[in-house]
Amino acid sequence: MFLLLFFVLLIQFFTYWIFEPLAFFLEYVLEIRFFPIITLIVLVFLFSVKNIEQN
């Protein structure tokens, strides 16, 4: 029983250790105050790509 509990806690620890920085980064980037900047960058990228039909 203690061995099973040890493995479960070990898995939870490594899952937190691996995914916590990624979750923190996504939470920081996707905050609502950065949404207009991200949207503006996406729109500029979309409209700056050359049209394929103009070749």
N, C-alpha and C. Protein backbone atom coordinates (compact mmCIF):
# COMPACT_ATOMS: atom_id res chain seq x y z
N MET A 1 0.83 -1.19 0.00
CA MET A 1 0.00 0.00 0.00
C MET A 1 0.88 1.26 0.00
N PHE A 2 1.92 1.26 0.83
CA PHE A 2 2.80 2.42 0.87
C PHE A 2 3.60 2.55 -0.42
N LEU A 3 3.91 1.43 -1.03
CA LEU A 3 4.62 1.47 -2.31
C LEU A 3 3.74 2.10 -3.40
N LEU A 4 2.48 1.75 -3.40
CA LEU A 4 1.54 2.34 -4.35
C LEU A 4 1.39 3.83 -4.10
N LEU A 5 1.27 4.22 -2.86
CA LEU A 5 1.17 5.64 -2.51
C LEU A 5 2.44 6.38 -2.91
N PHE A 6 3.58 5.77 -2.72
CA PHE A 6 4.84 6.38 -3.12
C PHE A 6 4.89 6.63 -4.63
N PHE A 7 4.47 5.63 -5.42
CA PHE A 7 4.48 5.79 -6.87
C PHE A 7 3.50 6.85 -7.33
N VAL A 8 2.34 6.92 -6.71
CA VAL A 8 1.35 7.94 -7.07
C VAL A 8 1.90 9.33 -6.76
N LEU A 9 2.50 9.50 -5.62
CA LEU A 9 3.08 10.80 -5.27
C LEU A 9 4.25 11.15 -6.17
N LEU A 10 5.02 10.17 -6.55
CA LEU A 10 6.14 10.39 -7.46
C LEU A 10 5.64 10.83 -8.84
N ILE A 11 4.59 10.19 -9.33
CA ILE A 11 4.01 10.57 -10.62
C ILE A 11 3.43 11.98 -10.56
N GLN A 12 2.76 12.31 -9.48
CA GLN A 12 2.21 13.66 -9.34
C GLN A 12 3.31 14.70 -9.28
N PHE A 13 4.39 14.40 -8.59
CA PHE A 13 5.49 15.34 -8.49
C PHE A 13 6.12 15.61 -9.85
N PHE A 14 6.40 14.54 -10.61
CA PHE A 14 7.02 14.72 -11.92
C PHE A 14 6.07 15.39 -12.92
N THR A 15 4.78 15.10 -12.82
CA THR A 15 3.81 15.77 -13.69
C THR A 15 3.79 17.26 -13.39
N TYR A 16 3.78 17.63 -12.13
CA TYR A 16 3.81 19.04 -11.76
C TYR A 16 5.13 19.68 -12.21
N TRP A 17 6.23 18.99 -12.05
CA TRP A 17 7.54 19.53 -12.39
C TRP A 17 7.68 19.76 -13.89
N ILE A 18 7.06 18.89 -14.71
CA ILE A 18 7.15 19.02 -16.16
C ILE A 18 6.17 20.06 -16.70
N PHE A 19 4.93 20.03 -16.25
CA PHE A 19 3.89 20.86 -16.86
C PHE A 19 3.67 22.20 -16.18
N GLU A 20 4.19 22.42 -14.99
CA GLU A 20 3.97 23.69 -14.31
C GLU A 20 4.63 24.86 -15.04
N PRO A 21 5.86 24.77 -15.54
CA PRO A 21 6.41 25.92 -16.29
C PRO A 21 5.63 26.21 -17.57
N LEU A 22 5.18 25.17 -18.25
CA LEU A 22 4.39 25.38 -19.47
C LEU A 22 3.06 26.05 -19.15
N ALA A 23 2.41 25.62 -18.09
CA ALA A 23 1.14 26.24 -17.70
C ALA A 23 1.35 27.68 -17.26
N PHE A 24 2.43 27.96 -16.55
CA PHE A 24 2.71 29.33 -16.13
C PHE A 24 2.97 30.22 -17.34
N PHE A 25 3.72 29.73 -18.33
CA PHE A 25 4.02 30.51 -19.53
C PHE A 25 2.74 30.80 -20.32
N LEU A 26 1.90 29.78 -20.51
CA LEU A 26 0.66 29.99 -21.25
C LEU A 26 -0.28 30.94 -20.52
N GLU A 27 -0.32 30.84 -19.20
CA GLU A 27 -1.16 31.75 -18.42
C GLU A 27 -0.66 33.18 -18.56
N TYR A 28 0.64 33.39 -18.61
CA TYR A 28 1.21 34.72 -18.75
C TYR A 28 0.96 35.28 -20.15
N VAL A 29 1.14 34.45 -21.17
CA VAL A 29 1.00 34.91 -22.55
C VAL A 29 -0.46 35.17 -22.89
N LEU A 30 -1.35 34.34 -22.42
CA LEU A 30 -2.75 34.43 -22.81
C LEU A 30 -3.59 35.29 -21.86
N GLU A 31 -2.95 36.10 -21.06
CA GLU A 31 -3.72 37.02 -20.22
C GLU A 31 -4.46 38.00 -21.10
N ILE A 32 -5.54 38.52 -20.59
CA ILE A 32 -6.41 39.36 -21.40
C ILE A 32 -5.72 40.66 -21.81
N ARG A 33 -4.75 41.13 -21.05
CA ARG A 33 -4.09 42.38 -21.42
C ARG A 33 -3.14 42.20 -22.60
N PHE A 34 -2.70 40.97 -22.85
CA PHE A 34 -1.84 40.71 -24.00
C PHE A 34 -2.63 40.28 -25.23
N PHE A 35 -3.93 40.07 -25.08
CA PHE A 35 -4.74 39.59 -26.20
C PHE A 35 -4.77 40.57 -27.37
N PRO A 36 -4.92 41.88 -27.16
CA PRO A 36 -4.89 42.80 -28.32
C PRO A 36 -3.55 42.78 -29.06
N ILE A 37 -2.46 42.65 -28.34
CA ILE A 37 -1.15 42.62 -28.99
C ILE A 37 -1.00 41.36 -29.83
N ILE A 38 -1.41 40.23 -29.27
CA ILE A 38 -1.33 38.96 -30.00
C ILE A 38 -2.23 39.01 -31.23
N THR A 39 -3.43 39.56 -31.07
CA THR A 39 -4.36 39.66 -32.20
C THR A 39 -3.81 40.56 -33.28
N LEU A 40 -3.20 41.66 -32.90
CA LEU A 40 -2.62 42.57 -33.88
C LEU A 40 -1.48 41.90 -34.65
N ILE A 41 -0.64 41.17 -33.96
CA ILE A 41 0.46 40.46 -34.62
C ILE A 41 -0.09 39.42 -35.61
N VAL A 42 -1.12 38.69 -35.21
CA VAL A 42 -1.71 37.69 -36.09
C VAL A 42 -2.32 38.35 -37.32
N LEU A 43 -3.03 39.46 -37.14
CA LEU A 43 -3.65 40.14 -38.28
C LEU A 43 -2.60 40.70 -39.23
N VAL A 44 -1.54 41.27 -38.69
CA VAL A 44 -0.47 41.79 -39.54
C VAL A 44 0.17 40.65 -40.32
N PHE A 45 0.38 39.53 -39.68
CA PHE A 45 0.96 38.38 -40.37
C PHE A 45 0.04 37.87 -41.47
N LEU A 46 -1.26 37.80 -41.18
CA LEU A 46 -2.20 37.28 -42.17
C LEU A 46 -2.30 38.18 -43.40
N PHE A 47 -2.31 39.49 -43.18
CA PHE A 47 -2.48 40.40 -44.31
C PHE A 47 -1.15 40.77 -44.98
N SER A 48 -0.04 40.39 -44.41
CA SER A 48 1.23 40.69 -45.04
C SER A 48 1.72 39.57 -45.95
N VAL A 49 1.10 38.41 -45.85
CA VAL A 49 1.49 37.29 -46.70
C VAL A 49 1.02 37.58 -48.13
N LYS A 50 1.90 37.33 -49.07
CA LYS A 50 1.55 37.60 -50.47
C LYS A 50 0.47 36.65 -50.94
N ASN A 51 -0.40 37.19 -51.73
CA ASN A 51 -1.52 36.40 -52.26
C ASN A 51 -0.99 35.44 -53.32
N ILE A 52 -1.42 34.20 -53.28
CA ILE A 52 -0.95 33.19 -54.22
C ILE A 52 -1.45 33.51 -55.64
N GLU A 53 -2.62 34.13 -55.74
CA GLU A 53 -3.20 34.41 -57.04
C GLU A 53 -2.46 35.51 -57.78
N GLN A 54 -1.63 36.27 -57.13
CA GLN A 54 -0.93 37.40 -57.76
C GLN A 54 0.36 36.96 -58.46
N ASN A 55 0.68 35.68 -58.44
CA ASN A 55 1.93 35.22 -59.07
C ASN A 55 1.90 35.38 -60.54
